[in-house]
Amino acid sequence: MRRKFQGTDRGKRVVADDGTAVGTLVRTDGDRARVLLDPERFEPGDPTGELGSRTTVTIDRTGVAESTNDRVRLVEGADPTDARRRA
């Protein structure tokens, strides 16, 4: 994505390169945005969430392949759930 995230991007659906739903943009901050993951993105054994939990992750604009009026498509191989780390 060449441009920075904007306030008008909030509410857009985020999808993987193959079209699989990831979540919804809930916060934007220039080069980065927060994605509220869909509940089914939970993986058993994940220490950062519980079944049905509403986890957010950060994506960077360089990981975005395309942005339309209603969705943001990530670049091939991008998985925002990999970004979950405990400090």
PDB file of N, CA and C in Angstrom:
ATOM      1  N   MET A   1       0.862  -1.166   0.000  1.00  0.00           N
ATOM      2  CA  MET A   1       0.000   0.000   0.000  1.00  0.00           C
ATOM      3  C   MET A   1       0.903   1.221   0.000  1.00  0.00           C
ATOM      4  N   ARG A   2       0.726   2.047  -0.940  1.00  0.00           N
ATOM      5  CA  ARG A   2       1.591   3.216  -1.074  1.00  0.00           C
ATOM      6  C   ARG A   2       1.236   4.321  -0.093  1.00  0.00           C
ATOM      7  N   ARG A   3      -0.031   4.480   0.200  1.00  0.00           N
ATOM      8  CA  ARG A   3      -0.419   5.554   1.110  1.00  0.00           C
ATOM      9  C   ARG A   3      -0.456   5.070   2.553  1.00  0.00           C
ATOM     10  N   LYS A   4      -0.497   6.007   3.466  1.00  0.00           N
ATOM     11  CA  LYS A   4      -0.606   5.671   4.884  1.00  0.00           C
ATOM     12  C   LYS A   4      -2.049   5.291   5.197  1.00  0.00           C
ATOM     13  N   PHE A   5      -2.240   4.561   6.302  1.00  0.00           N
ATOM     14  CA  PHE A   5      -3.591   4.264   6.754  1.00  0.00           C
ATOM     15  C   PHE A   5      -4.251   5.569   7.163  1.00  0.00           C
ATOM     16  N   GLN A   6      -5.543   5.673   6.913  1.00  0.00           N
ATOM     17  CA  GLN A   6      -6.308   6.870   7.249  1.00  0.00           C
ATOM     18  C   GLN A   6      -7.501   6.493   8.106  1.00  0.00           C
ATOM     19  N   GLY A   7      -8.100   7.475   8.734  1.00  0.00           N
ATOM     20  CA  GLY A   7      -9.281   7.232   9.554  1.00  0.00           C
ATOM     21  C   GLY A   7     -10.412   6.590   8.785  1.00  0.00           C
ATOM     22  N   THR A   8     -10.502   6.869   7.499  1.00  0.00           N
ATOM     23  CA  THR A   8     -11.566   6.279   6.678  1.00  0.00           C
ATOM     24  C   THR A   8     -11.354   4.792   6.436  1.00  0.00           C
ATOM     25  N   ASP A   9     -10.168   4.269   6.784  1.00  0.00           N
ATOM     26  CA  ASP A   9      -9.912   2.833   6.639  1.00  0.00           C
ATOM     27  C   ASP A   9     -10.541   2.020   7.764  1.00  0.00           C
ATOM     28  N   ARG A  10     -10.858   2.676   8.889  1.00  0.00           N
ATOM     29  CA  ARG A  10     -11.474   1.941  10.003  1.00  0.00           C
ATOM     30  C   ARG A  10     -12.768   1.287   9.541  1.00  0.00           C
ATOM     31  N   GLY A  11     -12.955   0.050   9.963  1.00  0.00           N
ATOM     32  CA  GLY A  11     -14.156  -0.698   9.605  1.00  0.00           C
ATOM     33  C   GLY A  11     -13.992  -1.572   8.378  1.00  0.00           C
ATOM     34  N   LYS A  12     -12.889  -1.403   7.647  1.00  0.00           N
ATOM     35  CA  LYS A  12     -12.669  -2.244   6.471  1.00  0.00           C
ATOM     36  C   LYS A  12     -12.328  -3.667   6.900  1.00  0.00           C
ATOM     37  N   ARG A  13     -12.768  -4.630   6.108  1.00  0.00           N
ATOM     38  CA  ARG A  13     -12.435  -6.034   6.337  1.00  0.00           C
ATOM     39  C   ARG A  13     -11.004  -6.274   5.877  1.00  0.00           C
ATOM     40  N   VAL A  14     -10.273  -7.074   6.623  1.00  0.00           N
ATOM     41  CA  VAL A  14      -8.911  -7.454   6.261  1.00  0.00           C
ATOM     42  C   VAL A  14      -8.964  -8.911   5.833  1.00  0.00           C
ATOM     43  N   VAL A  15      -8.409  -9.185   4.651  1.00  0.00           N
ATOM     44  CA  VAL A  15      -8.398 -10.549   4.122  1.00  0.00           C
ATOM     45  C   VAL A  15      -6.976 -10.926   3.734  1.00  0.00           C
ATOM     46  N   ALA A  16      -6.689 -12.220   3.816  1.00  0.00           N
ATOM     47  CA  ALA A  16      -5.401 -12.745   3.368  1.00  0.00           C
ATOM     48  C   ALA A  16      -5.366 -12.708   1.848  1.00  0.00           C
ATOM     49  N   ASP A  17      -4.217 -12.949   1.274  1.00  0.00           N
ATOM     50  CA  ASP A  17      -4.051 -12.923  -0.176  1.00  0.00           C
ATOM     51  C   ASP A  17      -5.007 -13.890  -0.879  1.00  0.00           C
ATOM     52  N   ASP A  18      -5.321 -15.016  -0.227  1.00  0.00           N
ATOM     53  CA  ASP A  18      -6.217 -16.001  -0.834  1.00  0.00           C
ATOM     54  C   ASP A  18      -7.694 -15.696  -0.600  1.00  0.00           C
ATOM     55  N   GLY A  19      -7.990 -14.552   0.056  1.00  0.00           N
ATOM     56  CA  GLY A  19      -9.376 -14.154   0.295  1.00  0.00           C
ATOM     57  C   GLY A  19      -9.942 -14.593   1.627  1.00  0.00           C
ATOM     58  N   THR A  20      -9.178 -15.331   2.418  1.00  0.00           N
ATOM     59  CA  THR A  20      -9.619 -15.785   3.727  1.00  0.00           C
ATOM     60  C   THR A  20      -9.761 -14.585   4.670  1.00  0.00           C
ATOM     61  N   ALA A  21     -10.893 -14.505   5.358  1.00  0.00           N
ATOM     62  CA  ALA A  21     -11.134 -13.393   6.279  1.00  0.00           C
ATOM     63  C   ALA A  21     -10.165 -13.442   7.457  1.00  0.00           C
ATOM     64  N   VAL A  22      -9.652 -12.285   7.836  1.00  0.00           N
ATOM     65  CA  VAL A  22      -8.731 -12.171   8.957  1.00  0.00           C
ATOM     66  C   VAL A  22      -9.385 -11.397  10.098  1.00  0.00           C
ATOM     67  N   GLY A  23      -9.955 -10.244   9.786  1.00  0.00           N
ATOM     68  CA  GLY A  23     -10.565  -9.414  10.817  1.00  0.00           C
ATOM     69  C   GLY A  23     -11.012  -8.080  10.256  1.00  0.00           C
ATOM     70  N   THR A  24     -11.083  -7.070  11.148  1.00  0.00           N
ATOM     71  CA  THR A  24     -11.565  -5.743  10.789  1.00  0.00           C
ATOM     72  C   THR A  24     -10.612  -4.691  11.330  1.00  0.00           C
ATOM     73  N   LEU A  25     -10.314  -3.669  10.523  1.00  0.00           N
ATOM     74  CA  LEU A  25      -9.477  -2.561  10.989  1.00  0.00           C
ATOM     75  C   LEU A  25     -10.240  -1.750  12.029  1.00  0.00           C
ATOM     76  N   VAL A  26      -9.652  -1.571  13.198  1.00  0.00           N
ATOM     77  CA  VAL A  26     -10.321  -0.827  14.261  1.00  0.00           C
ATOM     78  C   VAL A  26      -9.583   0.440  14.678  1.00  0.00           C
ATOM     79  N   ARG A  27      -8.309   0.550  14.300  1.00  0.00           N
ATOM     80  CA  ARG A  27      -7.538   1.739  14.642  1.00  0.00           C
ATOM     81  C   ARG A  27      -6.463   1.951  13.584  1.00  0.00           C
ATOM     82  N   THR A  28      -6.250   3.203  13.209  1.00  0.00           N
ATOM     83  CA  THR A  28      -5.229   3.512  12.212  1.00  0.00           C
ATOM     84  C   THR A  28      -4.274   4.544  12.779  1.00  0.00           C
ATOM     85  N   ASP A  29      -3.014   4.429  12.354  1.00  0.00           N
ATOM     86  CA  ASP A  29      -1.991   5.350  12.836  1.00  0.00           C
ATOM     87  C   ASP A  29      -0.884   5.473  11.792  1.00  0.00           C
ATOM     88  N   GLY A  30      -1.187   6.086  10.669  1.00  0.00           N
ATOM     89  CA  GLY A  30      -0.181   6.305   9.639  1.00  0.00           C
ATOM     90  C   GLY A  30       0.297   5.032   8.972  1.00  0.00           C
ATOM     91  N   ASP A  31       1.501   4.570   9.341  1.00  0.00           N
ATOM     92  CA  ASP A  31       2.084   3.377   8.725  1.00  0.00           C
ATOM     93  C   ASP A  31       1.529   2.076   9.275  1.00  0.00           C
ATOM     94  N   ARG A  32       0.815   2.140  10.391  1.00  0.00           N
ATOM     95  CA  ARG A  32       0.313   0.921  11.034  1.00  0.00           C
ATOM     96  C   ARG A  32      -1.176   1.019  11.321  1.00  0.00           C
ATOM     97  N   ALA A  33      -1.771  -0.161  11.469  1.00  0.00           N
ATOM     98  CA  ALA A  33      -3.188  -0.229  11.814  1.00  0.00           C
ATOM     99  C   ALA A  33      -3.408  -1.436  12.714  1.00  0.00           C
ATOM    100  N   ARG A  34      -4.429  -1.352  13.565  1.00  0.00           N
ATOM    101  CA  ARG A  34      -4.796  -2.463  14.450  1.00  0.00           C
ATOM    102  C   ARG A  34      -5.962  -3.203  13.821  1.00  0.00           C
ATOM    103  N   VAL A  35      -5.845  -4.545  13.842  1.00  0.00           N
ATOM    104  CA  VAL A  35      -6.871  -5.420  13.280  1.00  0.00           C
ATOM    105  C   VAL A  35      -7.488  -6.231  14.408  1.00  0.00           C
ATOM    106  N   LEU A  36      -8.801  -6.145  14.536  1.00  0.00           N
ATOM    107  CA  LEU A  36      -9.537  -6.993  15.474  1.00  0.00           C
ATOM    108  C   LEU A  36      -9.781  -8.309  14.755  1.00  0.00           C
ATOM    109  N   LEU A  37      -9.115  -9.360  15.233  1.00  0.00           N
ATOM    110  CA  LEU A  37      -9.203 -10.662  14.561  1.00  0.00           C
ATOM    111  C   LEU A  37     -10.592 -11.265  14.722  1.00  0.00           C
ATOM    112  N   ASP A  38     -11.022 -11.978  13.691  1.00  0.00           N
ATOM    113  CA  ASP A  38     -12.266 -12.728  13.770  1.00  0.00           C
ATOM    114  C   ASP A  38     -12.088 -13.832  14.811  1.00  0.00           C
ATOM    115  N   PRO A  39     -13.125 -14.158  15.575  1.00  0.00           N
ATOM    116  CA  PRO A  39     -13.003 -15.176  16.634  1.00  0.00           C
ATOM    117  C   PRO A  39     -12.485 -16.520  16.141  1.00  0.00           C
ATOM    118  N   GLU A  40     -12.790 -16.909  14.904  1.00  0.00           N
ATOM    119  CA  GLU A  40     -12.338 -18.206  14.405  1.00  0.00           C
ATOM    120  C   GLU A  40     -10.850 -18.228  14.086  1.00  0.00           C
ATOM    121  N   ARG A  41     -10.151 -17.094  14.208  1.00  0.00           N
ATOM    122  CA  ARG A  41      -8.704 -17.055  13.985  1.00  0.00           C
ATOM    123  C   ARG A  41      -7.931 -17.581  15.188  1.00  0.00           C
ATOM    124  N   PHE A  42      -8.626 -17.920  16.264  1.00  0.00           N
ATOM    125  CA  PHE A  42      -8.000 -18.500  17.453  1.00  0.00           C
ATOM    126  C   PHE A  42      -7.449 -19.873  17.116  1.00  0.00           C
ATOM    127  N   GLU A  43      -6.247 -20.139  17.607  1.00  0.00           N
ATOM    128  CA  GLU A  43      -5.666 -21.460  17.409  1.00  0.00           C
ATOM    129  C   GLU A  43      -5.490 -22.137  18.765  1.00  0.00           C
ATOM    130  N   PRO A  44      -5.881 -23.408  18.899  1.00  0.00           N
ATOM    131  CA  PRO A  44      -5.712 -24.111  20.171  1.00  0.00           C
ATOM    132  C   PRO A  44      -4.250 -24.065  20.625  1.00  0.00           C
ATOM    133  N   GLY A  45      -4.067 -23.841  21.907  1.00  0.00           N
ATOM    134  CA  GLY A  45      -2.718 -23.785  22.459  1.00  0.00           C
ATOM    135  C   GLY A  45      -2.096 -22.408  22.389  1.00  0.00           C
ATOM    136  N   ASP A  46      -2.832 -21.429  21.854  1.00  0.00           N
ATOM    137  CA  ASP A  46      -2.319 -20.066  21.752  1.00  0.00           C
ATOM    138  C   ASP A  46      -2.375 -19.428  23.137  1.00  0.00           C
ATOM    139  N   PRO A  47      -1.224 -19.071  23.709  1.00  0.00           N
ATOM    140  CA  PRO A  47      -1.224 -18.513  25.062  1.00  0.00           C
ATOM    141  C   PRO A  47      -1.742 -17.086  25.124  1.00  0.00           C
ATOM    142  N   THR A  48      -1.953 -16.433  23.974  1.00  0.00           N
ATOM    143  CA  THR A  48      -2.387 -15.036  23.997  1.00  0.00           C
ATOM    144  C   THR A  48      -3.889 -14.872  23.884  1.00  0.00           C
ATOM    145  N   GLY A  49      -4.622 -15.945  23.745  1.00  0.00           N
ATOM    146  CA  GLY A  49      -6.061 -15.795  23.584  1.00  0.00           C
ATOM    147  C   GLY A  49      -6.823 -17.004  24.063  1.00  0.00           C
ATOM    148  N   GLU A  50      -8.133 -16.852  24.097  1.00  0.00           N
ATOM    149  CA  GLU A  50      -9.027 -17.935  24.469  1.00  0.00           C
ATOM    150  C   GLU A  50     -10.024 -18.119  23.341  1.00  0.00           C
ATOM    151  N   LEU A  51     -10.662 -19.255  23.315  1.00  0.00           N
ATOM    152  CA  LEU A  51     -11.663 -19.513  22.303  1.00  0.00           C
ATOM    153  C   LEU A  51     -12.686 -18.388  22.313  1.00  0.00           C
ATOM    154  N   GLY A  52     -12.880 -17.764  21.161  1.00  0.00           N
ATOM    155  CA  GLY A  52     -13.853 -16.694  21.055  1.00  0.00           C
ATOM    156  C   GLY A  52     -13.355 -15.345  21.540  1.00  0.00           C
ATOM    157  N   SER A  53     -12.090 -15.247  21.947  1.00  0.00           N
ATOM    158  CA  SER A  53     -11.579 -13.974  22.439  1.00  0.00           C
ATOM    159  C   SER A  53     -11.451 -12.984  21.289  1.00  0.00           C
ATOM    160  N   ARG A  54     -11.430 -11.732  21.607  1.00  0.00           N
ATOM    161  CA  ARG A  54     -11.318 -10.682  20.596  1.00  0.00           C
ATOM    162  C   ARG A  54      -9.922 -10.084  20.687  1.00  0.00           C
ATOM    163  N   THR A  55      -8.998 -10.644  19.959  1.00  0.00           N
ATOM    164  CA  THR A  55      -7.607 -10.242  19.975  1.00  0.00           C
ATOM    165  C   THR A  55      -7.337  -9.259  18.840  1.00  0.00           C
ATOM    166  N   THR A  56      -6.497  -8.254  19.120  1.00  0.00           N
ATOM    167  CA  THR A  56      -6.068  -7.343  18.070  1.00  0.00           C
ATOM    168  C   THR A  56      -4.588  -7.538  17.787  1.00  0.00           C
ATOM    169  N   VAL A  57      -4.213  -7.316  16.536  1.00  0.00           N
ATOM    170  CA  VAL A  57      -2.824  -7.371  16.114  1.00  0.00           C
ATOM    171  C   VAL A  57      -2.546  -6.141  15.258  1.00  0.00           C
ATOM    172  N   THR A  58      -1.273  -5.825  15.107  1.00  0.00           N
ATOM    173  CA  THR A  58      -0.869  -4.680  14.303  1.00  0.00           C
ATOM    174  C   THR A  58      -0.393  -5.136  12.932  1.00  0.00           C
ATOM    175  N   ILE A  59      -0.822  -4.428  11.898  1.00  0.00           N
ATOM    176  CA  ILE A  59      -0.296  -4.672  10.566  1.00  0.00           C
ATOM    177  C   ILE A  59       0.404  -3.398  10.093  1.00  0.00           C
ATOM    178  N   ASP A  60       1.365  -3.569   9.222  1.00  0.00           N
ATOM    179  CA  ASP A  60       2.122  -2.460   8.660  1.00  0.00           C
ATOM    180  C   ASP A  60       1.652  -2.246   7.220  1.00  0.00           C
ATOM    181  N   ARG A  61       1.682  -1.024   6.756  1.00  0.00           N
ATOM    182  CA  ARG A  61       1.193  -0.756   5.399  1.00  0.00           C
ATOM    183  C   ARG A  61       2.004  -1.478   4.325  1.00  0.00           C
ATOM    184  N   THR A  62       3.256  -1.834   4.621  1.00  0.00           N
ATOM    185  CA  THR A  62       4.064  -2.569   3.641  1.00  0.00           C
ATOM    186  C   THR A  62       3.553  -3.993   3.443  1.00  0.00           C
ATOM    187  N   GLY A  63       2.724  -4.495   4.369  1.00  0.00           N
ATOM    188  CA  GLY A  63       2.152  -5.830   4.248  1.00  0.00           C
ATOM    189  C   GLY A  63       0.825  -5.847   3.528  1.00  0.00           C
ATOM    190  N   VAL A  64       0.407  -4.696   3.000  1.00  0.00           N
ATOM    191  CA  VAL A  64      -0.880  -4.585   2.322  1.00  0.00           C
ATOM    192  C   VAL A  64      -0.660  -4.575   0.814  1.00  0.00           C
ATOM    193  N   ALA A  65      -1.315  -5.491   0.124  1.00  0.00           N
ATOM    194  CA  ALA A  65      -1.198  -5.566  -1.330  1.00  0.00           C
ATOM    195  C   ALA A  65      -2.166  -4.610  -2.014  1.00  0.00           C
ATOM    196  N   GLU A  66      -3.369  -4.475  -1.448  1.00  0.00           N
ATOM    197  CA  GLU A  66      -4.416  -3.688  -2.097  1.00  0.00           C
ATOM    198  C   GLU A  66      -5.407  -3.191  -1.054  1.00  0.00           C
ATOM    199  N   SER A  67      -5.908  -1.993  -1.254  1.00  0.00           N
ATOM    200  CA  SER A  67      -6.953  -1.442  -0.394  1.00  0.00           C
ATOM    201  C   SER A  67      -8.062  -0.901  -1.278  1.00  0.00           C
ATOM    202  N   THR A  68      -9.285  -1.411  -1.050  1.00  0.00           N
ATOM    203  CA  THR A  68     -10.444  -0.933  -1.803  1.00  0.00           C
ATOM    204  C   THR A  68     -11.351  -0.177  -0.848  1.00  0.00           C
ATOM    205  N   ASN A  69     -12.540   0.180  -1.307  1.00  0.00           N
ATOM    206  CA  ASN A  69     -13.474   0.921  -0.461  1.00  0.00           C
ATOM    207  C   ASN A  69     -13.954   0.131   0.746  1.00  0.00           C
ATOM    208  N   ASP A  70     -13.912  -1.206   0.654  1.00  0.00           N
ATOM    209  CA  ASP A  70     -14.466  -2.001   1.748  1.00  0.00           C
ATOM    210  C   ASP A  70     -13.539  -3.067   2.312  1.00  0.00           C
ATOM    211  N   ARG A  71     -12.349  -3.245   1.728  1.00  0.00           N
ATOM    212  CA  ARG A  71     -11.470  -4.281   2.265  1.00  0.00           C
ATOM    213  C   ARG A  71     -10.000  -3.948   2.034  1.00  0.00           C
ATOM    214  N   VAL A  72      -9.172  -4.607   2.835  1.00  0.00           N
ATOM    215  CA  VAL A  72      -7.722  -4.514   2.724  1.00  0.00           C
ATOM    216  C   VAL A  72      -7.216  -5.930   2.508  1.00  0.00           C
ATOM    217  N   ARG A  73      -6.503  -6.144   1.391  1.00  0.00           N
ATOM    218  CA  ARG A  73      -5.960  -7.464   1.088  1.00  0.00           C
ATOM    219  C   ARG A  73      -4.469  -7.456   1.398  1.00  0.00           C
ATOM    220  N   LEU A  74      -4.036  -8.429   2.172  1.00  0.00           N
ATOM    221  CA  LEU A  74      -2.633  -8.531   2.578  1.00  0.00           C
ATOM    222  C   LEU A  74      -1.786  -9.144   1.469  1.00  0.00           C
ATOM    223  N   VAL A  75      -0.489  -8.898   1.531  1.00  0.00           N
ATOM    224  CA  VAL A  75       0.432  -9.482   0.542  1.00  0.00           C
ATOM    225  C   VAL A  75       0.488 -10.992   0.739  1.00  0.00           C
ATOM    226  N   GLU A  76       0.928 -11.681  -0.285  1.00  0.00           N
ATOM    227  CA  GLU A  76       1.035 -13.132  -0.237  1.00  0.00           C
ATOM    228  C   GLU A  76       1.937 -13.574   0.912  1.00  0.00           C
ATOM    229  N   GLY A  77       1.470 -14.533   1.673  1.00  0.00           N
ATOM    230  CA  GLY A  77       2.238 -15.086   2.781  1.00  0.00           C
ATOM    231  C   GLY A  77       2.147 -14.303   4.077  1.00  0.00           C
ATOM    232  N   ALA A  78       1.507 -13.142   4.054  1.00  0.00           N
ATOM    233  CA  ALA A  78       1.387 -12.342   5.281  1.00  0.00           C
ATOM    234  C   ALA A  78       0.351 -12.974   6.209  1.00  0.00           C
ATOM    235  N   ASP A  79       0.707 -13.101   7.471  1.00  0.00           N
ATOM    236  CA  ASP A  79      -0.202 -13.631   8.483  1.00  0.00           C
ATOM    237  C   ASP A  79      -0.078 -12.745   9.716  1.00  0.00           C
ATOM    238  N   PRO A  80      -1.037 -11.848   9.943  1.00  0.00           N
ATOM    239  CA  PRO A  80      -0.928 -10.926  11.070  1.00  0.00           C
ATOM    240  C   PRO A  80      -0.936 -11.606  12.429  1.00  0.00           C
ATOM    241  N   THR A  81      -1.368 -12.845  12.499  1.00  0.00           N
ATOM    242  CA  THR A  81      -1.357 -13.535  13.789  1.00  0.00           C
ATOM    243  C   THR A  81       0.074 -13.875  14.213  1.00  0.00           C
ATOM    244  N   ASP A  82       1.028 -13.860  13.278  1.00  0.00           N
ATOM    245  CA  ASP A  82       2.428 -14.079  13.618  1.00  0.00           C
ATOM    246  C   ASP A  82       2.983 -12.913  14.438  1.00  0.00           C
ATOM    247  N   ALA A  83       2.312 -11.774  14.373  1.00  0.00           N
ATOM    248  CA  ALA A  83       2.800 -10.559  15.035  1.00  0.00           C
ATOM    249  C   ALA A  83       2.495 -10.558  16.538  1.00  0.00           C
ATOM    250  N   ARG A  84       1.714 -11.521  17.011  1.00  0.00           N
ATOM    251  CA  ARG A  84       1.388 -11.543  18.436  1.00  0.00           C
ATOM    252  C   ARG A  84       2.580 -12.038  19.232  1.00  0.00           C
ATOM    253  N   ARG A  85       3.112 -11.146  20.037  1.00  0.00           N
ATOM    254  CA  ARG A  85       4.250 -11.489  20.886  1.00  0.00           C
ATOM    255  C   ARG A  85       4.063 -10.848  22.243  1.00  0.00           C
ATOM    256  N   ARG A  86       4.514 -11.521  23.250  1.00  0.00           N
ATOM    257  CA  ARG A  86       4.480 -10.928  24.583  1.00  0.00           C
ATOM    258  C   ARG A  86       5.827 -10.269  24.844  1.00  0.00           C
ATOM    259  N   ALA A  87       5.779  -9.069  25.373  1.00  0.00           N
ATOM    260  CA  ALA A  87       7.028  -8.335  25.663  1.00  0.00           C
ATOM    261  C   ALA A  87       7.660  -8.847  26.943  1.00  0.00           C
TER     262      ALA A  87
END
